């Protein structure tokens, strides 16, 4: 099986990439390692914010409560929080699944908050701590029936301890480790740890852009019964 890397290992690889951890040293500089790990968490959460990324996907179920239409996701999801919500469904005690329409948050202004009944649509706020809103407001019959709200979502990355006391396992497939080492090297090589020449930064950027494009096109896509929907080509969102 592959070696699953930790935040410290990824940060160390990136420091090595920009020449901040030469082979003549037994370990990286403590201050530079701390900076690299702080940037690593920002890089991972930025990536989670702009693209669906395997390793950040989760599913939870929230028991419906009588008269409660708003559910603060932080109360159910945990420390990693919620970045995107992909789907919201009602699941009965018999296992029957009824998808809810996810509407734009701005359209909630047109909902009658006094309406009650089995929810048929939902919205997720864009607050720092997102709130799931379901409409109409559930009734006692929904709660007594044992109905739950199933949410499939993408999280942020778990907090990375930059002090290195509790090393954090990276929530990415091993196929992404090389990309992550280059992506972080690009950020910390632009000033936070070292200031690399522009041509070297451009080369690192070109490399991680190509890796990212190929990974999104191919990584894990062969698990499905149909071929990948995109071909790896040069270019990225960056």
C-alpha atoms as a PDB file:
ATOM      1  CA  UNK A   1       0.000   0.000   0.000  1.00  0.00           C
ATOM      2  CA  UNK A   2       1.169   3.599  -0.560  1.00  0.00           C
ATOM      3  CA  UNK A   3       2.803   5.740   2.081  1.00  0.00           C
ATOM      4  CA  UNK A   4       0.270   8.264   3.386  1.00  0.00           C
ATOM      5  CA  UNK A   5       2.027  11.549   3.949  1.00  0.00           C
ATOM      6  CA  UNK A   6       1.587  13.947   6.819  1.00  0.00           C
ATOM      7  CA  UNK A   7       1.611  17.744   6.779  1.00  0.00           C
ATOM      8  CA  UNK A   8       5.164  17.784   8.072  1.00  0.00           C
ATOM      9  CA  UNK A   9       6.360  15.465   5.284  1.00  0.00           C
ATOM     10  CA  UNK A  10       4.698  17.561   2.566  1.00  0.00           C
ATOM     11  CA  UNK A  11       6.066  20.806   4.012  1.00  0.00           C
ATOM     12  CA  UNK A  12       9.547  19.282   4.238  1.00  0.00           C
ATOM     13  CA  UNK A  13       9.386  18.171   0.587  1.00  0.00           C
ATOM     14  CA  UNK A  14       8.359  21.674  -0.478  1.00  0.00           C
ATOM     15  CA  UNK A  15      11.169  23.263   1.517  1.00  0.00           C
ATOM     16  CA  UNK A  16      13.584  20.899  -0.187  1.00  0.00           C
ATOM     17  CA  UNK A  17      12.138  21.838  -3.586  1.00  0.00           C
ATOM     18  CA  UNK A  18      12.964  25.525  -3.088  1.00  0.00           C
ATOM     19  CA  UNK A  19      16.425  24.826  -1.637  1.00  0.00           C
ATOM     20  CA  UNK A  20      15.519  25.647   1.964  1.00  0.00           C
ATOM     21  CA  UNK A  21      16.292  22.125   3.185  1.00  0.00           C
ATOM     22  CA  UNK A  22      19.479  20.878   1.479  1.00  0.00           C
ATOM     23  CA  UNK A  23      20.683  17.307   1.935  1.00  0.00           C
ATOM     24  CA  UNK A  24      23.522  18.580   4.119  1.00  0.00           C
ATOM     25  CA  UNK A  25      21.001  19.365   6.883  1.00  0.00           C
ATOM     26  CA  UNK A  26      19.518  16.674   9.116  1.00  0.00           C
ATOM     27  CA  UNK A  27      16.224  18.535   9.505  1.00  0.00           C
ATOM     28  CA  UNK A  28      14.584  21.715   8.199  1.00  0.00           C
ATOM     29  CA  UNK A  29      14.770  25.026  10.006  1.00  0.00           C
ATOM     30  CA  UNK A  30      12.033  25.097  12.683  1.00  0.00           C
ATOM     31  CA  UNK A  31      10.793  28.575  11.778  1.00  0.00           C
ATOM     32  CA  UNK A  32      10.689  27.843   8.048  1.00  0.00           C
ATOM     33  CA  UNK A  33       8.889  24.542   8.631  1.00  0.00           C
ATOM     34  CA  UNK A  34       6.268  26.335  10.718  1.00  0.00           C
ATOM     35  CA  UNK A  35       5.704  28.900   7.960  1.00  0.00           C
ATOM     36  CA  UNK A  36       5.441  26.152   5.338  1.00  0.00           C
ATOM     37  CA  UNK A  37       2.818  24.274   7.355  1.00  0.00           C
ATOM     38  CA  UNK A  38       0.771  27.442   7.850  1.00  0.00           C
ATOM     39  CA  UNK A  39       0.789  28.005   4.092  1.00  0.00           C
ATOM     40  CA  UNK A  40      -0.013  24.339   3.489  1.00  0.00           C
ATOM     41  CA  UNK A  41      -3.342  24.663   5.302  1.00  0.00           C
ATOM     42  CA  UNK A  42      -4.184  27.791   3.288  1.00  0.00           C
ATOM     43  CA  UNK A  43      -3.301  26.042  -0.002  1.00  0.00           C
ATOM     44  CA  UNK A  44      -5.499  23.027   0.814  1.00  0.00           C
ATOM     45  CA  UNK A  45      -8.472  25.171   1.831  1.00  0.00           C
ATOM     46  CA  UNK A  46      -8.084  27.326  -1.258  1.00  0.00           C
ATOM     47  CA  UNK A  47      -8.178  24.212  -3.438  1.00  0.00           C
ATOM     48  CA  UNK A  48     -11.242  22.951  -1.588  1.00  0.00           C
ATOM     49  CA  UNK A  49     -12.923  26.279  -2.292  1.00  0.00           C
ATOM     50  CA  UNK A  50     -12.487  26.265  -6.059  1.00  0.00           C
ATOM     51  CA  UNK A  51     -12.809  22.617  -7.139  1.00  0.00           C
ATOM     52  CA  UNK A  52     -14.502  19.424  -5.942  1.00  0.00           C
ATOM     53  CA  UNK A  53     -11.528  17.432  -4.681  1.00  0.00           C
ATOM     54  CA  UNK A  54     -11.535  13.771  -3.618  1.00  0.00           C
ATOM     55  CA  UNK A  55     -10.484  13.365  -0.002  1.00  0.00           C
ATOM     56  CA  UNK A  56     -12.662  16.257   1.154  1.00  0.00           C
ATOM     57  CA  UNK A  57     -16.022  14.569   0.475  1.00  0.00           C
ATOM     58  CA  UNK A  58     -18.248  13.483   3.341  1.00  0.00           C
ATOM     59  CA  UNK A  59     -21.832  12.480   4.114  1.00  0.00           C
ATOM     60  CA  UNK A  60     -23.748  13.171   7.317  1.00  0.00           C
ATOM     61  CA  UNK A  61     -27.327  12.672   8.471  1.00  0.00           C
ATOM     62  CA  UNK A  62     -29.217  15.155  10.643  1.00  0.00           C
ATOM     63  CA  UNK A  63     -32.388  14.024  12.459  1.00  0.00           C
ATOM     64  CA  UNK A  64     -35.340  16.235  11.575  1.00  0.00           C
ATOM     65  CA  UNK A  65     -36.735  18.264  14.480  1.00  0.00           C
ATOM     66  CA  UNK A  66     -40.284  19.541  14.805  1.00  0.00           C
ATOM     67  CA  UNK A  67     -40.572  23.247  14.002  1.00  0.00           C
ATOM     68  CA  UNK A  68     -36.859  23.578  13.161  1.00  0.00           C
ATOM     69  CA  UNK A  69     -36.059  24.734   9.636  1.00  0.00           C
ATOM     70  CA  UNK A  70     -32.504  25.999  10.206  1.00  0.00           C
ATOM     71  CA  UNK A  71     -29.590  23.673  11.028  1.00  0.00           C
ATOM     72  CA  UNK A  72     -26.115  25.050  11.717  1.00  0.00           C
ATOM     73  CA  UNK A  73     -23.851  22.607   9.894  1.00  0.00           C
ATOM     74  CA  UNK A  74     -20.965  23.138  12.305  1.00  0.00           C
ATOM     75  CA  UNK A  75     -23.037  21.433  15.010  1.00  0.00           C
ATOM     76  CA  UNK A  76     -23.083  18.206  12.974  1.00  0.00           C
ATOM     77  CA  UNK A  77     -20.039  18.242  10.691  1.00  0.00           C
ATOM     78  CA  UNK A  78     -17.144  18.722  13.075  1.00  0.00           C
ATOM     79  CA  UNK A  79     -13.936  20.727  13.007  1.00  0.00           C
ATOM     80  CA  UNK A  80     -13.320  20.598   9.243  1.00  0.00           C
ATOM     81  CA  UNK A  81     -16.482  22.570   8.468  1.00  0.00           C
ATOM     82  CA  UNK A  82     -18.432  22.674   5.212  1.00  0.00           C
ATOM     83  CA  UNK A  83     -17.107  24.208   1.993  1.00  0.00           C
ATOM     84  CA  UNK A  84     -19.677  23.056  -0.619  1.00  0.00           C
ATOM     85  CA  UNK A  85     -22.912  21.110  -0.258  1.00  0.00           C
ATOM     86  CA  UNK A  86     -23.428  18.808  -3.246  1.00  0.00           C
ATOM     87  CA  UNK A  87     -26.814  17.328  -2.357  1.00  0.00           C
ATOM     88  CA  UNK A  88     -29.516  17.319   0.317  1.00  0.00           C
ATOM     89  CA  UNK A  89     -32.034  14.487   0.661  1.00  0.00           C
ATOM     90  CA  UNK A  90     -34.698  13.258   3.056  1.00  0.00           C
ATOM     91  CA  UNK A  91     -34.251   9.640   4.107  1.00  0.00           C
ATOM     92  CA  UNK A  92     -37.088   7.736   5.740  1.00  0.00           C
ATOM     93  CA  UNK A  93     -36.681   5.082   8.393  1.00  0.00           C
ATOM     94  CA  UNK A  94     -37.261   2.505   5.618  1.00  0.00           C
ATOM     95  CA  UNK A  95     -34.314   3.906   3.664  1.00  0.00           C
ATOM     96  CA  UNK A  96     -36.312   5.646   0.953  1.00  0.00           C
ATOM     97  CA  UNK A  97     -34.450   8.676  -0.396  1.00  0.00           C
ATOM     98  CA  UNK A  98     -36.125  11.853  -1.634  1.00  0.00           C
ATOM     99  CA  UNK A  99     -33.717  14.479  -3.043  1.00  0.00           C
ATOM    100  CA  UNK A 100     -34.442  18.082  -2.115  1.00  0.00           C
ATOM    101  CA  UNK A 101     -34.063  20.903  -4.602  1.00  0.00           C
ATOM    102  CA  UNK A 102     -31.182  23.172  -3.554  1.00  0.00           C
ATOM    103  CA  UNK A 103     -32.102  26.754  -4.335  1.00  0.00           C
ATOM    104  CA  UNK A 104     -30.085  29.949  -4.278  1.00  0.00           C
ATOM    105  CA  UNK A 105     -29.802  31.591  -0.879  1.00  0.00           C
ATOM    106  CA  UNK A 106     -31.290  34.837  -2.231  1.00  0.00           C
ATOM    107  CA  UNK A 107     -34.512  33.014  -3.129  1.00  0.00           C
ATOM    108  CA  UNK A 108     -35.191  32.191   0.506  1.00  0.00           C
ATOM    109  CA  UNK A 109     -36.511  35.738   0.872  1.00  0.00           C
ATOM    110  CA  UNK A 110     -39.592  34.667  -1.074  1.00  0.00           C
ATOM    111  CA  UNK A 111     -40.391  31.676   1.149  1.00  0.00           C
ATOM    112  CA  UNK A 112     -43.290  31.809   3.594  1.00  0.00           C
ATOM    113  CA  UNK A 113     -41.638  30.987   6.919  1.00  0.00           C
ATOM    114  CA  UNK A 114     -44.996  30.014   8.400  1.00  0.00           C
ATOM    115  CA  UNK A 115     -45.477  27.127   5.964  1.00  0.00           C
ATOM    116  CA  UNK A 116     -45.161  23.716   7.600  1.00  0.00           C
ATOM    117  CA  UNK A 117     -44.942  20.223   6.177  1.00  0.00           C
ATOM    118  CA  UNK A 118     -42.444  17.742   4.822  1.00  0.00           C
ATOM    119  CA  UNK A 119     -39.501  19.713   3.342  1.00  0.00           C
ATOM    120  CA  UNK A 120     -39.139  19.698  -0.442  1.00  0.00           C
ATOM    121  CA  UNK A 121     -36.341  22.219  -0.955  1.00  0.00           C
ATOM    122  CA  UNK A 122     -33.281  23.577   0.825  1.00  0.00           C
ATOM    123  CA  UNK A 123     -30.742  26.369   0.776  1.00  0.00           C
ATOM    124  CA  UNK A 124     -27.268  26.727   2.267  1.00  0.00           C
ATOM    125  CA  UNK A 125     -26.035  30.106   3.455  1.00  0.00           C
ATOM    126  CA  UNK A 126     -22.599  31.422   2.540  1.00  0.00           C
ATOM    127  CA  UNK A 127     -21.811  32.442   6.106  1.00  0.00           C
ATOM    128  CA  UNK A 128     -18.462  31.620   7.692  1.00  0.00           C
ATOM    129  CA  UNK A 129     -20.483  29.007   9.585  1.00  0.00           C
ATOM    130  CA  UNK A 130     -23.027  27.833   6.966  1.00  0.00           C
ATOM    131  CA  UNK A 131     -26.642  27.165   7.874  1.00  0.00           C
ATOM    132  CA  UNK A 132     -28.823  24.588   6.111  1.00  0.00           C
ATOM    133  CA  UNK A 133     -32.366  25.884   5.645  1.00  0.00           C
ATOM    134  CA  UNK A 134     -35.190  23.505   4.679  1.00  0.00           C
ATOM    135  CA  UNK A 135     -38.657  24.493   3.443  1.00  0.00           C
ATOM    136  CA  UNK A 136     -41.384  24.082   4.509  1.00  0.00           C
ATOM    137  CA  UNK A 137     -40.632  23.795   8.231  1.00  0.00           C
ATOM    138  CA  UNK A 138     -40.793  20.124   9.380  1.00  0.00           C
ATOM    139  CA  UNK A 139     -43.708  18.928  11.507  1.00  0.00           C
ATOM    140  CA  UNK A 140     -43.968  16.428  14.344  1.00  0.00           C
ATOM    141  CA  UNK A 141     -45.009  13.708  11.889  1.00  0.00           C
ATOM    142  CA  UNK A 142     -41.612  13.988  10.143  1.00  0.00           C
ATOM    143  CA  UNK A 143     -39.725  13.749  13.440  1.00  0.00           C
ATOM    144  CA  UNK A 144     -41.860  10.884  14.777  1.00  0.00           C
ATOM    145  CA  UNK A 145     -41.347   8.992  11.499  1.00  0.00           C
ATOM    146  CA  UNK A 146     -37.579   9.050  12.095  1.00  0.00           C
ATOM    147  CA  UNK A 147     -36.848  11.009   8.913  1.00  0.00           C
ATOM    148  CA  UNK A 148     -33.308  12.363   8.589  1.00  0.00           C
ATOM    149  CA  UNK A 149     -31.674  14.941   6.325  1.00  0.00           C
ATOM    150  CA  UNK A 150     -28.749  13.417   4.425  1.00  0.00           C
ATOM    151  CA  UNK A 151     -26.125  15.893   3.258  1.00  0.00           C
ATOM    152  CA  UNK A 152     -23.253  15.157   0.894  1.00  0.00           C
ATOM    153  CA  UNK A 153     -20.667  17.899   1.098  1.00  0.00           C
ATOM    154  CA  UNK A 154     -17.070  18.955   0.634  1.00  0.00           C
ATOM    155  CA  UNK A 155     -15.233  20.049   3.762  1.00  0.00           C
ATOM    156  CA  UNK A 156     -12.279  22.267   4.393  1.00  0.00           C
ATOM    157  CA  UNK A 157      -9.082  20.513   5.465  1.00  0.00           C
ATOM    158  CA  UNK A 158      -8.666  19.624   9.108  1.00  0.00           C
ATOM    159  CA  UNK A 159      -6.624  22.169  11.060  1.00  0.00           C
ATOM    160  CA  UNK A 160      -2.875  21.653  10.628  1.00  0.00           C
ATOM    161  CA  UNK A 161      -0.764  22.091  13.756  1.00  0.00           C
ATOM    162  CA  UNK A 162       2.051  24.306  12.512  1.00  0.00           C
ATOM    163  CA  UNK A 163       4.014  23.660  15.714  1.00  0.00           C
ATOM    164  CA  UNK A 164       4.317  20.027  14.622  1.00  0.00           C
ATOM    165  CA  UNK A 165       3.276  18.663  18.018  1.00  0.00           C
ATOM    166  CA  UNK A 166       0.416  16.677  16.480  1.00  0.00           C
ATOM    167  CA  UNK A 167       1.345  15.861  12.893  1.00  0.00           C
ATOM    168  CA  UNK A 168      -1.693  15.862  10.594  1.00  0.00           C
ATOM    169  CA  UNK A 169      -2.390  13.283   7.878  1.00  0.00           C
ATOM    170  CA  UNK A 170      -3.159  14.977   4.567  1.00  0.00           C
ATOM    171  CA  UNK A 171      -6.709  14.437   3.289  1.00  0.00           C
ATOM    172  CA  UNK A 172      -5.663  13.778  -0.300  1.00  0.00           C
ATOM    173  CA  UNK A 173      -5.158  10.663  -2.365  1.00  0.00           C
ATOM    174  CA  UNK A 174      -1.440   9.742  -2.637  1.00  0.00           C
ATOM    175  CA  UNK A 175      -1.590  10.573  -6.344  1.00  0.00           C
ATOM    176  CA  UNK A 176      -1.852  14.242  -5.324  1.00  0.00           C
ATOM    177  CA  UNK A 177       1.223  14.433  -3.083  1.00  0.00           C
ATOM    178  CA  UNK A 178       3.627  15.484  -5.841  1.00  0.00           C
ATOM    179  CA  UNK A 179       1.204  18.196  -6.995  1.00  0.00           C
ATOM    180  CA  UNK A 180       0.846  19.441  -3.420  1.00  0.00           C
ATOM    181  CA  UNK A 181       4.615  19.599  -2.853  1.00  0.00           C
ATOM    182  CA  UNK A 182       5.004  21.710  -6.017  1.00  0.00           C
ATOM    183  CA  UNK A 183       1.941  23.853  -5.253  1.00  0.00           C
ATOM    184  CA  UNK A 184       3.225  24.664  -1.773  1.00  0.00           C
ATOM    185  CA  UNK A 185       6.764  25.235  -3.073  1.00  0.00           C
ATOM    186  CA  UNK A 186       5.364  27.839  -5.461  1.00  0.00           C
ATOM    187  CA  UNK A 187       3.698  29.732  -2.593  1.00  0.00           C
ATOM    188  CA  UNK A 188       6.523  29.632  -0.059  1.00  0.00           C
ATOM    189  CA  UNK A 189       9.117  30.184  -2.791  1.00  0.00           C
ATOM    190  CA  UNK A 190       7.482  33.495  -3.648  1.00  0.00           C
ATOM    191  CA  UNK A 191       8.582  35.229  -0.462  1.00  0.00           C
ATOM    192  CA  UNK A 192       7.335  33.601   2.762  1.00  0.00           C
ATOM    193  CA  UNK A 193      10.416  31.327   3.047  1.00  0.00           C
ATOM    194  CA  UNK A 194      12.608  32.104   0.025  1.00  0.00           C
ATOM    195  CA  UNK A 195      12.387  34.481  -2.907  1.00  0.00           C
ATOM    196  CA  UNK A 196      13.111  32.362  -5.966  1.00  0.00           C
ATOM    197  CA  UNK A 197      13.919  33.929  -9.355  1.00  0.00           C
ATOM    198  CA  UNK A 198      10.853  34.574 -11.481  1.00  0.00           C
ATOM    199  CA  UNK A 199      11.863  31.993 -14.093  1.00  0.00           C
ATOM    200  CA  UNK A 200      12.133  29.287 -11.428  1.00  0.00           C
ATOM    201  CA  UNK A 201       8.730  30.187  -9.993  1.00  0.00           C
ATOM    202  CA  UNK A 202       7.257  30.081 -13.483  1.00  0.00           C
ATOM    203  CA  UNK A 203       8.694  26.604 -14.051  1.00  0.00           C
ATOM    204  CA  UNK A 204       7.250  25.298 -10.768  1.00  0.00           C
ATOM    205  CA  UNK A 205       3.882  26.874 -11.576  1.00  0.00           C
ATOM    206  CA  UNK A 206       3.819  25.306 -15.038  1.00  0.00           C
ATOM    207  CA  UNK A 207       4.612  21.904 -13.552  1.00  0.00           C
ATOM    208  CA  UNK A 208       1.899  21.951 -10.883  1.00  0.00           C
ATOM    209  CA  UNK A 209      -0.664  23.337 -13.343  1.00  0.00           C
ATOM    210  CA  UNK A 210      -0.057  20.421 -15.691  1.00  0.00           C
ATOM    211  CA  UNK A 211      -0.205  17.900 -12.835  1.00  0.00           C
ATOM    212  CA  UNK A 212      -3.483  19.389 -11.615  1.00  0.00           C
ATOM    213  CA  UNK A 213      -5.092  19.267 -15.042  1.00  0.00           C
ATOM    214  CA  UNK A 214      -4.074  15.635 -15.503  1.00  0.00           C
ATOM    215  CA  UNK A 215      -5.194  14.615 -12.021  1.00  0.00           C
ATOM    216  CA  UNK A 216      -8.651  16.145 -12.385  1.00  0.00           C
ATOM    217  CA  UNK A 217      -9.001  14.483 -15.768  1.00  0.00           C
ATOM    218  CA  UNK A 218      -7.747  11.025 -14.816  1.00  0.00           C
ATOM    219  CA  UNK A 219      -7.300  10.377 -11.102  1.00  0.00           C
ATOM    220  CA  UNK A 220      -9.890   7.850  -9.949  1.00  0.00           C
ATOM    221  CA  UNK A 221     -11.980   8.293 -13.084  1.00  0.00           C
ATOM    222  CA  UNK A 222     -11.511   4.687 -14.146  1.00  0.00           C
ATOM    223  CA  UNK A 223     -13.529   3.550 -11.114  1.00  0.00           C
ATOM    224  CA  UNK A 224     -16.640   4.414 -13.147  1.00  0.00           C
ATOM    225  CA  UNK A 225     -18.036   2.277 -15.962  1.00  0.00           C
ATOM    226  CA  UNK A 226     -17.582   5.101 -18.464  1.00  0.00           C
ATOM    227  CA  UNK A 227     -14.322   6.698 -19.657  1.00  0.00           C
ATOM    228  CA  UNK A 228     -13.023   9.979 -18.219  1.00  0.00           C
ATOM    229  CA  UNK A 229     -15.114  12.929 -19.330  1.00  0.00           C
ATOM    230  CA  UNK A 230     -12.114  15.139 -20.052  1.00  0.00           C
ATOM    231  CA  UNK A 231      -8.697  14.689 -21.532  1.00  0.00           C
ATOM    232  CA  UNK A 232      -5.549  15.981 -19.819  1.00  0.00           C
ATOM    233  CA  UNK A 233      -4.497  19.056 -21.725  1.00  0.00           C
ATOM    234  CA  UNK A 234      -2.171  21.913 -20.959  1.00  0.00           C
ATOM    235  CA  UNK A 235      -3.726  24.693 -18.922  1.00  0.00           C
ATOM    236  CA  UNK A 236      -5.463  25.267 -15.634  1.00  0.00           C
ATOM    237  CA  UNK A 237      -7.476  27.846 -13.769  1.00  0.00           C
ATOM    238  CA  UNK A 238      -4.314  29.505 -12.489  1.00  0.00           C
END
